[in-house]
Amino acid sequence: MAVAQTPEKSKSPDIPWQGILMGIGIFFILIFCLAPVLWQVLTSFKVNDAITTIPNVYFPRFDQLTFEHYLSLDWIFLRYIGNSFLVAFTSTVVCLTVGA
């Protein structure tokens, strides 16, 4: 009597392609969403010549970096930040109240 043989499973582990593709997709979406923030931060540390140079300087050299833009901020900047906070807080409270 002949016994039917079943094919043996391969000994190599299965590769979780779905998880790998999900991770790659999340990575690219994160890069896409955070690129404008990175651009703003890098621009805030560039000297004015590096900001206006054509072609653009994406990653400045050390001699093109400065803290001058942050050091030149005056007390009026804090007033602007406070006004923005007040408007955001008030609109959030109004929207939550109306929505509730």
PDB file of N, CA and C in Angstrom:
ATOM      1  N   MET A   1       0.830  -1.160   0.000  1.00  0.00           N
ATOM      2  CA  MET A   1       0.000   0.000   0.000  1.00  0.00           C
ATOM      3  C   MET A   1       0.892   1.246   0.000  1.00  0.00           C
ATOM      4  N   ALA A   2       0.613   2.190  -0.877  1.00  0.00           N
ATOM      5  CA  ALA A   2       1.431   3.387  -1.006  1.00  0.00           C
ATOM      6  C   ALA A   2       0.916   4.473  -0.066  1.00  0.00           C
ATOM      7  N   VAL A   3       1.830   5.115   0.602  1.00  0.00           N
ATOM      8  CA  VAL A   3       1.481   6.194   1.527  1.00  0.00           C
ATOM      9  C   VAL A   3       1.705   7.513   0.804  1.00  0.00           C
ATOM     10  N   ALA A   4       0.676   8.355   0.852  1.00  0.00           N
ATOM     11  CA  ALA A   4       0.800   9.667   0.196  1.00  0.00           C
ATOM     12  C   ALA A   4       1.737  10.537   1.010  1.00  0.00           C
ATOM     13  N   GLN A   5       2.687  11.076   0.321  1.00  0.00           N
ATOM     14  CA  GLN A   5       3.627  11.933   1.007  1.00  0.00           C
ATOM     15  C   GLN A   5       3.186  13.387   0.884  1.00  0.00           C
ATOM     16  N   THR A   6       3.242  14.079   1.997  1.00  0.00           N
ATOM     17  CA  THR A   6       2.914  15.508   1.981  1.00  0.00           C
ATOM     18  C   THR A   6       4.206  16.289   1.793  1.00  0.00           C
ATOM     19  N   PRO A   7       4.122  17.374   1.060  1.00  0.00           N
ATOM     20  CA  PRO A   7       5.350  18.164   0.877  1.00  0.00           C
ATOM     21  C   PRO A   7       5.792  18.778   2.199  1.00  0.00           C
ATOM     22  N   GLU A   8       7.080  18.723   2.412  1.00  0.00           N
ATOM     23  CA  GLU A   8       7.626  19.282   3.650  1.00  0.00           C
ATOM     24  C   GLU A   8       7.639  20.805   3.571  1.00  0.00           C
ATOM     25  N   LYS A   9       7.360  21.407   4.711  1.00  0.00           N
ATOM     26  CA  LYS A   9       7.464  22.869   4.779  1.00  0.00           C
ATOM     27  C   LYS A   9       8.933  23.255   4.811  1.00  0.00           C
ATOM     28  N   SER A  10       9.212  24.378   4.220  1.00  0.00           N
ATOM     29  CA  SER A  10      10.598  24.821   4.237  1.00  0.00           C
ATOM     30  C   SER A  10      10.960  25.244   5.656  1.00  0.00           C
ATOM     31  N   LYS A  11      12.180  25.083   5.995  1.00  0.00           N
ATOM     32  CA  LYS A  11      12.657  25.379   7.339  1.00  0.00           C
ATOM     33  C   LYS A  11      12.905  26.868   7.546  1.00  0.00           C
ATOM     34  N   SER A  12      12.949  27.668   6.465  1.00  0.00           N
ATOM     35  CA  SER A  12      13.229  29.089   6.609  1.00  0.00           C
ATOM     36  C   SER A  12      11.988  29.810   7.151  1.00  0.00           C
ATOM     37  N   PRO A  13      12.202  30.778   8.027  1.00  0.00           N
ATOM     38  CA  PRO A  13      11.063  31.497   8.599  1.00  0.00           C
ATOM     39  C   PRO A  13      10.416  32.398   7.546  1.00  0.00           C
ATOM     40  N   ASP A  14       9.113  32.584   7.685  1.00  0.00           N
ATOM     41  CA  ASP A  14       8.406  33.472   6.757  1.00  0.00           C
ATOM     42  C   ASP A  14       8.791  34.916   7.042  1.00  0.00           C
ATOM     43  N   ILE A  15       8.967  35.672   5.996  1.00  0.00           N
ATOM     44  CA  ILE A  15       9.306  37.090   6.131  1.00  0.00           C
ATOM     45  C   ILE A  15       8.013  37.884   6.238  1.00  0.00           C
ATOM     46  N   PRO A  16       7.870  38.702   7.277  1.00  0.00           N
ATOM     47  CA  PRO A  16       6.626  39.471   7.453  1.00  0.00           C
ATOM     48  C   PRO A  16       6.588  40.693   6.524  1.00  0.00           C
ATOM     49  N   TRP A  17       6.308  40.450   5.251  1.00  0.00           N
ATOM     50  CA  TRP A  17       6.345  41.525   4.255  1.00  0.00           C
ATOM     51  C   TRP A  17       5.374  42.647   4.576  1.00  0.00           C
ATOM     52  N   GLN A  18       4.213  42.299   5.110  1.00  0.00           N
ATOM     53  CA  GLN A  18       3.221  43.323   5.407  1.00  0.00           C
ATOM     54  C   GLN A  18       3.751  44.303   6.458  1.00  0.00           C
ATOM     55  N   GLY A  19       4.406  43.789   7.483  1.00  0.00           N
ATOM     56  CA  GLY A  19       4.979  44.650   8.516  1.00  0.00           C
ATOM     57  C   GLY A  19       6.121  45.502   7.992  1.00  0.00           C
ATOM     58  N   ILE A  20       6.944  44.905   7.138  1.00  0.00           N
ATOM     59  CA  ILE A  20       8.073  45.649   6.563  1.00  0.00           C
ATOM     60  C   ILE A  20       7.570  46.772   5.676  1.00  0.00           C
ATOM     61  N   LEU A  21       6.605  46.481   4.811  1.00  0.00           N
ATOM     62  CA  LEU A  21       6.056  47.518   3.932  1.00  0.00           C
ATOM     63  C   LEU A  21       5.338  48.600   4.723  1.00  0.00           C
ATOM     64  N   MET A  22       4.655  48.218   5.802  1.00  0.00           N
ATOM     65  CA  MET A  22       3.990  49.200   6.651  1.00  0.00           C
ATOM     66  C   MET A  22       5.018  50.134   7.293  1.00  0.00           C
ATOM     67  N   GLY A  23       6.111  49.577   7.775  1.00  0.00           N
ATOM     68  CA  GLY A  23       7.169  50.394   8.376  1.00  0.00           C
ATOM     69  C   GLY A  23       7.798  51.351   7.383  1.00  0.00           C
ATOM     70  N   ILE A  24       8.059  50.878   6.176  1.00  0.00           N
ATOM     71  CA  ILE A  24       8.624  51.737   5.135  1.00  0.00           C
ATOM     72  C   ILE A  24       7.650  52.851   4.775  1.00  0.00           C
ATOM     73  N   GLY A  25       6.371  52.511   4.667  1.00  0.00           N
ATOM     74  CA  GLY A  25       5.357  53.528   4.360  1.00  0.00           C
ATOM     75  C   GLY A  25       5.253  54.576   5.441  1.00  0.00           C
ATOM     76  N   ILE A  26       5.265  54.156   6.699  1.00  0.00           N
ATOM     77  CA  ILE A  26       5.201  55.104   7.815  1.00  0.00           C
ATOM     78  C   ILE A  26       6.427  56.000   7.819  1.00  0.00           C
ATOM     79  N   PHE A  27       7.600  55.435   7.540  1.00  0.00           N
ATOM     80  CA  PHE A  27       8.826  56.227   7.498  1.00  0.00           C
ATOM     81  C   PHE A  27       8.737  57.331   6.444  1.00  0.00           C
ATOM     82  N   PHE A  28       8.283  56.991   5.241  1.00  0.00           N
ATOM     83  CA  PHE A  28       8.207  57.992   4.178  1.00  0.00           C
ATOM     84  C   PHE A  28       7.130  59.037   4.452  1.00  0.00           C
ATOM     85  N   ILE A  29       6.031  58.645   5.053  1.00  0.00           N
ATOM     86  CA  ILE A  29       4.997  59.624   5.419  1.00  0.00           C
ATOM     87  C   ILE A  29       5.529  60.569   6.487  1.00  0.00           C
ATOM     88  N   LEU A  30       6.273  60.043   7.456  1.00  0.00           N
ATOM     89  CA  LEU A  30       6.871  60.891   8.486  1.00  0.00           C
ATOM     90  C   LEU A  30       7.848  61.888   7.881  1.00  0.00           C
ATOM     91  N   ILE A  31       8.698  61.430   6.986  1.00  0.00           N
ATOM     92  CA  ILE A  31       9.656  62.322   6.328  1.00  0.00           C
ATOM     93  C   ILE A  31       8.907  63.400   5.546  1.00  0.00           C
ATOM     94  N   PHE A  32       7.857  63.000   4.829  1.00  0.00           N
ATOM     95  CA  PHE A  32       7.068  63.951   4.043  1.00  0.00           C
ATOM     96  C   PHE A  32       6.416  64.998   4.934  1.00  0.00           C
ATOM     97  N   CYS A  33       5.901  64.595   6.089  1.00  0.00           N
ATOM     98  CA  CYS A  33       5.209  65.528   6.974  1.00  0.00           C
ATOM     99  C   CYS A  33       6.173  66.402   7.775  1.00  0.00           C
ATOM    100  N   LEU A  34       7.338  65.889   8.113  1.00  0.00           N
ATOM    101  CA  LEU A  34       8.270  66.644   8.937  1.00  0.00           C
ATOM    102  C   LEU A  34       9.270  67.469   8.130  1.00  0.00           C
ATOM    103  N   ALA A  35       9.299  67.306   6.827  1.00  0.00           N
ATOM    104  CA  ALA A  35      10.244  68.063   5.998  1.00  0.00           C
ATOM    105  C   ALA A  35      10.049  69.573   6.119  1.00  0.00           C
ATOM    106  N   PRO A  36       8.820  70.116   6.113  1.00  0.00           N
ATOM    107  CA  PRO A  36       8.675  71.565   6.280  1.00  0.00           C
ATOM    108  C   PRO A  36       9.179  72.070   7.629  1.00  0.00           C
ATOM    109  N   VAL A  37       9.008  71.280   8.682  1.00  0.00           N
ATOM    110  CA  VAL A  37       9.500  71.682  10.002  1.00  0.00           C
ATOM    111  C   VAL A  37      11.023  71.705   9.992  1.00  0.00           C
ATOM    112  N   LEU A  38      11.632  70.682   9.407  1.00  0.00           N
ATOM    113  CA  LEU A  38      13.093  70.649   9.294  1.00  0.00           C
ATOM    114  C   LEU A  38      13.594  71.835   8.478  1.00  0.00           C
ATOM    115  N   TRP A  39      12.896  72.164   7.395  1.00  0.00           N
ATOM    116  CA  TRP A  39      13.272  73.305   6.556  1.00  0.00           C
ATOM    117  C   TRP A  39      13.229  74.606   7.362  1.00  0.00           C
ATOM    118  N   GLN A  40      12.196  74.801   8.177  1.00  0.00           N
ATOM    119  CA  GLN A  40      12.078  76.017   8.988  1.00  0.00           C
ATOM    120  C   GLN A  40      13.184  76.098  10.029  1.00  0.00           C
ATOM    121  N   VAL A  41      13.474  74.983  10.674  1.00  0.00           N
ATOM    122  CA  VAL A  41      14.517  74.986  11.700  1.00  0.00           C
ATOM    123  C   VAL A  41      15.876  75.271  11.069  1.00  0.00           C
ATOM    124  N   LEU A  42      16.179  74.616   9.956  1.00  0.00           N
ATOM    125  CA  LEU A  42      17.462  74.861   9.295  1.00  0.00           C
ATOM    126  C   LEU A  42      17.567  76.305   8.800  1.00  0.00           C
ATOM    127  N   THR A  43      16.473  76.845   8.280  1.00  0.00           N
ATOM    128  CA  THR A  43      16.489  78.223   7.797  1.00  0.00           C
ATOM    129  C   THR A  43      16.686  79.206   8.942  1.00  0.00           C
ATOM    130  N   SER A  44      16.160  78.899  10.110  1.00  0.00           N
ATOM    131  CA  SER A  44      16.300  79.823  11.235  1.00  0.00           C
ATOM    132  C   SER A  44      17.742  79.926  11.715  1.00  0.00           C
ATOM    133  N   PHE A  45      18.554  78.933  11.426  1.00  0.00           N
ATOM    134  CA  PHE A  45      19.962  78.968  11.840  1.00  0.00           C
ATOM    135  C   PHE A  45      20.909  79.432  10.730  1.00  0.00           C
ATOM    136  N   LYS A  46      20.406  79.668   9.528  1.00  0.00           N
ATOM    137  CA  LYS A  46      21.266  80.091   8.421  1.00  0.00           C
ATOM    138  C   LYS A  46      21.505  81.591   8.474  1.00  0.00           C
ATOM    139  N   VAL A  47      22.654  82.014   7.956  1.00  0.00           N
ATOM    140  CA  VAL A  47      22.891  83.439   7.765  1.00  0.00           C
ATOM    141  C   VAL A  47      22.035  83.902   6.588  1.00  0.00           C
ATOM    142  N   ASN A  48      21.783  85.209   6.506  1.00  0.00           N
ATOM    143  CA  ASN A  48      20.887  85.732   5.477  1.00  0.00           C
ATOM    144  C   ASN A  48      21.366  85.423   4.062  1.00  0.00           C
ATOM    145  N   ASP A  49      22.672  85.439   3.853  1.00  0.00           N
ATOM    146  CA  ASP A  49      23.197  85.125   2.516  1.00  0.00           C
ATOM    147  C   ASP A  49      22.884  83.692   2.115  1.00  0.00           C
ATOM    148  N   ALA A  50      22.938  82.767   3.059  1.00  0.00           N
ATOM    149  CA  ALA A  50      22.640  81.368   2.758  1.00  0.00           C
ATOM    150  C   ALA A  50      21.143  81.159   2.517  1.00  0.00           C
ATOM    151  N   ILE A  51      20.314  82.009   3.122  1.00  0.00           N
ATOM    152  CA  ILE A  51      18.865  81.889   2.925  1.00  0.00           C
ATOM    153  C   ILE A  51      18.481  82.321   1.516  1.00  0.00           C
ATOM    154  N   THR A  52      19.111  83.376   1.020  1.00  0.00           N
ATOM    155  CA  THR A  52      18.721  83.949  -0.269  1.00  0.00           C
ATOM    156  C   THR A  52      19.544  83.434  -1.449  1.00  0.00           C
ATOM    157  N   THR A  53      20.480  82.538  -1.201  1.00  0.00           N
ATOM    158  CA  THR A  53      21.328  82.017  -2.270  1.00  0.00           C
ATOM    159  C   THR A  53      20.525  81.156  -3.234  1.00  0.00           C
ATOM    160  N   ILE A  54      20.820  81.326  -4.527  1.00  0.00           N
ATOM    161  CA  ILE A  54      20.240  80.463  -5.548  1.00  0.00           C
ATOM    162  C   ILE A  54      21.393  79.761  -6.240  1.00  0.00           C
ATOM    163  N   PRO A  55      21.451  78.468  -6.300  1.00  0.00           N
ATOM    164  CA  PRO A  55      20.492  77.480  -5.832  1.00  0.00           C
ATOM    165  C   PRO A  55      20.466  77.414  -4.302  1.00  0.00           C
ATOM    166  N   ASN A  56      19.385  76.870  -3.773  1.00  0.00           N
ATOM    167  CA  ASN A  56      19.178  76.825  -2.327  1.00  0.00           C
ATOM    168  C   ASN A  56      20.281  76.064  -1.616  1.00  0.00           C
ATOM    169  N   VAL A  57      20.578  76.521  -0.406  1.00  0.00           N
ATOM    170  CA  VAL A  57      21.485  75.804   0.484  1.00  0.00           C
ATOM    171  C   VAL A  57      20.608  74.994   1.418  1.00  0.00           C
ATOM    172  N   TYR A  58      20.509  73.691   1.173  1.00  0.00           N
ATOM    173  CA  TYR A  58      19.629  72.863   1.991  1.00  0.00           C
ATOM    174  C   TYR A  58      20.227  72.567   3.352  1.00  0.00           C
ATOM    175  N   PHE A  59      21.477  72.155   3.368  1.00  0.00           N
ATOM    176  CA  PHE A  59      22.159  71.871   4.619  1.00  0.00           C
ATOM    177  C   PHE A  59      23.374  72.793   4.706  1.00  0.00           C
ATOM    178  N   PRO A  60      23.294  73.817   5.556  1.00  0.00           N
ATOM    179  CA  PRO A  60      24.360  74.822   5.596  1.00  0.00           C
ATOM    180  C   PRO A  60      25.656  74.279   6.191  1.00  0.00           C
ATOM    181  N   ARG A  61      26.760  74.889   5.731  1.00  0.00           N
ATOM    182  CA  ARG A  61      28.060  74.571   6.319  1.00  0.00           C
ATOM    183  C   ARG A  61      28.152  75.275   7.671  1.00  0.00           C
ATOM    184  N   PHE A  62      29.169  74.954   8.443  1.00  0.00           N
ATOM    185  CA  PHE A  62      29.307  75.552   9.774  1.00  0.00           C
ATOM    186  C   PHE A  62      29.530  77.061   9.709  1.00  0.00           C
ATOM    187  N   ASP A  63      30.166  77.536   8.630  1.00  0.00           N
ATOM    188  CA  ASP A  63      30.372  78.982   8.529  1.00  0.00           C
ATOM    189  C   ASP A  63      29.104  79.713   8.065  1.00  0.00           C
ATOM    190  N   GLN A  64      28.049  78.973   7.722  1.00  0.00           N
ATOM    191  CA  GLN A  64      26.788  79.572   7.319  1.00  0.00           C
ATOM    192  C   GLN A  64      25.738  79.493   8.431  1.00  0.00           C
ATOM    193  N   LEU A  65      26.147  79.101   9.628  1.00  0.00           N
ATOM    194  CA  LEU A  65      25.222  78.985  10.746  1.00  0.00           C
ATOM    195  C   LEU A  65      25.363  80.177  11.683  1.00  0.00           C
ATOM    196  N   THR A  66      24.246  80.585  12.279  1.00  0.00           N
ATOM    197  CA  THR A  66      24.264  81.705  13.205  1.00  0.00           C
ATOM    198  C   THR A  66      23.129  81.578  14.214  1.00  0.00           C
ATOM    199  N   PHE A  67      23.310  82.190  15.378  1.00  0.00           N
ATOM    200  CA  PHE A  67      22.255  82.306  16.379  1.00  0.00           C
ATOM    201  C   PHE A  67      21.689  83.722  16.400  1.00  0.00           C
ATOM    202  N   GLU A  68      22.138  84.545  15.487  1.00  0.00           N
ATOM    203  CA  GLU A  68      21.767  85.963  15.480  1.00  0.00           C
ATOM    204  C   GLU A  68      20.258  86.171  15.373  1.00  0.00           C
ATOM    205  N   HIS A  69      19.582  85.335  14.619  1.00  0.00           N
ATOM    206  CA  HIS A  69      18.144  85.512  14.471  1.00  0.00           C
ATOM    207  C   HIS A  69      17.420  85.313  15.800  1.00  0.00           C
ATOM    208  N   TYR A  70      17.914  84.425  16.629  1.00  0.00           N
ATOM    209  CA  TYR A  70      17.293  84.202  17.931  1.00  0.00           C
ATOM    210  C   TYR A  70      17.724  85.257  18.937  1.00  0.00           C
ATOM    211  N   LEU A  71      18.969  85.712  18.833  1.00  0.00           N
ATOM    212  CA  LEU A  71      19.452  86.729  19.766  1.00  0.00           C
ATOM    213  C   LEU A  71      18.819  88.092  19.504  1.00  0.00           C
ATOM    214  N   SER A  72      18.368  88.326  18.276  1.00  0.00           N
ATOM    215  CA  SER A  72      17.784  89.629  17.949  1.00  0.00           C
ATOM    216  C   SER A  72      16.299  89.718  18.293  1.00  0.00           C
ATOM    217  N   LEU A  73      15.708  88.639  18.781  1.00  0.00           N
ATOM    218  CA  LEU A  73      14.302  88.689  19.178  1.00  0.00           C
ATOM    219  C   LEU A  73      14.138  89.629  20.356  1.00  0.00           C
ATOM    220  N   ASP A  74      13.120  90.454  20.301  1.00  0.00           N
ATOM    221  CA  ASP A  74      12.884  91.446  21.337  1.00  0.00           C
ATOM    222  C   ASP A  74      11.693  91.004  22.178  1.00  0.00           C
ATOM    223  N   TRP A  75      11.357  91.762  23.185  1.00  0.00           N
ATOM    224  CA  TRP A  75      10.224  91.444  24.043  1.00  0.00           C
ATOM    225  C   TRP A  75       8.918  91.440  23.254  1.00  0.00           C
ATOM    226  N   ILE A  76       8.877  92.153  22.137  1.00  0.00           N
ATOM    227  CA  ILE A  76       7.655  92.208  21.331  1.00  0.00           C
ATOM    228  C   ILE A  76       7.305  90.826  20.773  1.00  0.00           C
ATOM    229  N   PHE A  77       8.335  89.992  20.547  1.00  0.00           N
ATOM    230  CA  PHE A  77       8.090  88.637  20.065  1.00  0.00           C
ATOM    231  C   PHE A  77       7.281  87.841  21.089  1.00  0.00           C
ATOM    232  N   LEU A  78       7.601  88.005  22.368  1.00  0.00           N
ATOM    233  CA  LEU A  78       6.836  87.321  23.409  1.00  0.00           C
ATOM    234  C   LEU A  78       5.391  87.798  23.428  1.00  0.00           C
ATOM    235  N   ARG A  79       5.181  89.063  23.111  1.00  0.00           N
ATOM    236  CA  ARG A  79       3.811  89.583  23.033  1.00  0.00           C
ATOM    237  C   ARG A  79       3.062  88.896  21.889  1.00  0.00           C
ATOM    238  N   TYR A  80       3.714  88.728  20.757  1.00  0.00           N
ATOM    239  CA  TYR A  80       3.090  88.051  19.623  1.00  0.00           C
ATOM    240  C   TYR A  80       2.747  86.599  19.969  1.00  0.00           C
ATOM    241  N   ILE A  81       3.660  85.914  20.646  1.00  0.00           N
ATOM    242  CA  ILE A  81       3.413  84.537  21.059  1.00  0.00           C
ATOM    243  C   ILE A  81       2.239  84.493  22.036  1.00  0.00           C
ATOM    244  N   GLY A  82       2.185  85.437  22.969  1.00  0.00           N
ATOM    245  CA  GLY A  82       1.079  85.498  23.923  1.00  0.00           C
ATOM    246  C   GLY A  82      -0.255  85.746  23.231  1.00  0.00           C
ATOM    247  N   ASN A  83      -0.264  86.635  22.238  1.00  0.00           N
ATOM    248  CA  ASN A  83      -1.490  86.896  21.481  1.00  0.00           C
ATOM    249  C   ASN A  83      -1.939  85.645  20.731  1.00  0.00           C
ATOM    250  N   SER A  84      -1.010  84.927  20.135  1.00  0.00           N
ATOM    251  CA  SER A  84      -1.350  83.697  19.416  1.00  0.00           C
ATOM    252  C   SER A  84      -1.909  82.649  20.382  1.00  0.00           C
ATOM    253  N   PHE A  85      -1.308  82.543  21.546  1.00  0.00           N
ATOM    254  CA  PHE A  85      -1.804  81.601  22.547  1.00  0.00           C
ATOM    255  C   PHE A  85      -3.215  81.977  22.988  1.00  0.00           C
ATOM    256  N   LEU A  86      -3.470  83.254  23.213  1.00  0.00           N
ATOM    257  CA  LEU A  86      -4.790  83.716  23.640  1.00  0.00           C
ATOM    258  C   LEU A  86      -5.850  83.401  22.581  1.00  0.00           C
ATOM    259  N   VAL A  87      -5.544  83.670  21.332  1.00  0.00           N
ATOM    260  CA  VAL A  87      -6.498  83.395  20.249  1.00  0.00           C
ATOM    261  C   VAL A  87      -6.751  81.893  20.129  1.00  0.00           C
ATOM    262  N   ALA A  88      -5.695  81.084  20.182  1.00  0.00           N
ATOM    263  CA  ALA A  88      -5.852  79.635  20.060  1.00  0.00           C
ATOM    264  C   ALA A  88      -6.647  79.069  21.234  1.00  0.00           C
ATOM    265  N   PHE A  89      -6.353  79.533  22.438  1.00  0.00           N
ATOM    266  CA  PHE A  89      -7.049  79.043  23.624  1.00  0.00           C
ATOM    267  C   PHE A  89      -8.523  79.434  23.587  1.00  0.00           C
ATOM    268  N   THR A  90      -8.803  80.687  23.239  1.00  0.00           N
ATOM    269  CA  THR A  90     -10.182  81.160  23.194  1.00  0.00           C
ATOM    270  C   THR A  90     -10.984  80.418  22.129  1.00  0.00           C
ATOM    271  N   SER A  91     -10.419  80.262  20.950  1.00  0.00           N
ATOM    272  CA  SER A  91     -11.157  79.564  19.887  1.00  0.00           C
ATOM    273  C   SER A  91     -11.385  78.102  20.233  1.00  0.00           C
ATOM    274  N   THR A  92     -10.423  77.477  20.918  1.00  0.00           N
ATOM    275  CA  THR A  92     -10.609  76.090  21.340  1.00  0.00           C
ATOM    276  C   THR A  92     -11.737  75.968  22.352  1.00  0.00           C
ATOM    277  N   VAL A  93     -11.766  76.871  23.326  1.00  0.00           N
ATOM    278  CA  VAL A  93     -12.831  76.834  24.345  1.00  0.00           C
ATOM    279  C   VAL A  93     -14.184  77.082  23.704  1.00  0.00           C
ATOM    280  N   VAL A  94     -14.262  78.057  22.795  1.00  0.00           N
ATOM    281  CA  VAL A  94     -15.550  78.353  22.117  1.00  0.00           C
ATOM    282  C   VAL A  94     -15.998  77.148  21.286  1.00  0.00           C
ATOM    283  N   CYS A  95     -15.111  76.548  20.530  1.00  0.00           N
ATOM    284  CA  CYS A  95     -15.480  75.397  19.692  1.00  0.00           C
ATOM    285  C   CYS A  95     -15.905  74.209  20.538  1.00  0.00           C
ATOM    286  N   LEU A  96     -15.222  73.949  21.639  1.00  0.00           N
ATOM    287  CA  LEU A  96     -15.611  72.846  22.503  1.00  0.00           C
ATOM    288  C   LEU A  96     -16.955  73.103  23.170  1.00  0.00           C
ATOM    289  N   THR A  97     -17.207  74.350  23.545  1.00  0.00           N
ATOM    290  CA  THR A  97     -18.478  74.698  24.157  1.00  0.00           C
ATOM    291  C   THR A  97     -19.632  74.547  23.183  1.00  0.00           C
ATOM    292  N   VAL A  98     -19.445  75.064  21.982  1.00  0.00           N
ATOM    293  CA  VAL A  98     -20.496  74.966  20.960  1.00  0.00           C
ATOM    294  C   VAL A  98     -20.695  73.502  20.547  1.00  0.00           C
ATOM    295  N   GLY A  99     -19.612  72.764  20.409  1.00  0.00           N
ATOM    296  CA  GLY A  99     -19.695  71.375  20.006  1.00  0.00           C
ATOM    297  C   GLY A  99     -20.323  70.474  21.064  1.00  0.00           C
ATOM    298  N   ALA A 100     -20.143  70.819  22.316  1.00  0.00           N
ATOM    299  CA  ALA A 100     -20.703  69.999  23.403  1.00  0.00           C
ATOM    300  C   ALA A 100     -22.191  70.259  23.487  1.00  0.00           C
TER     301      ALA A 100
END
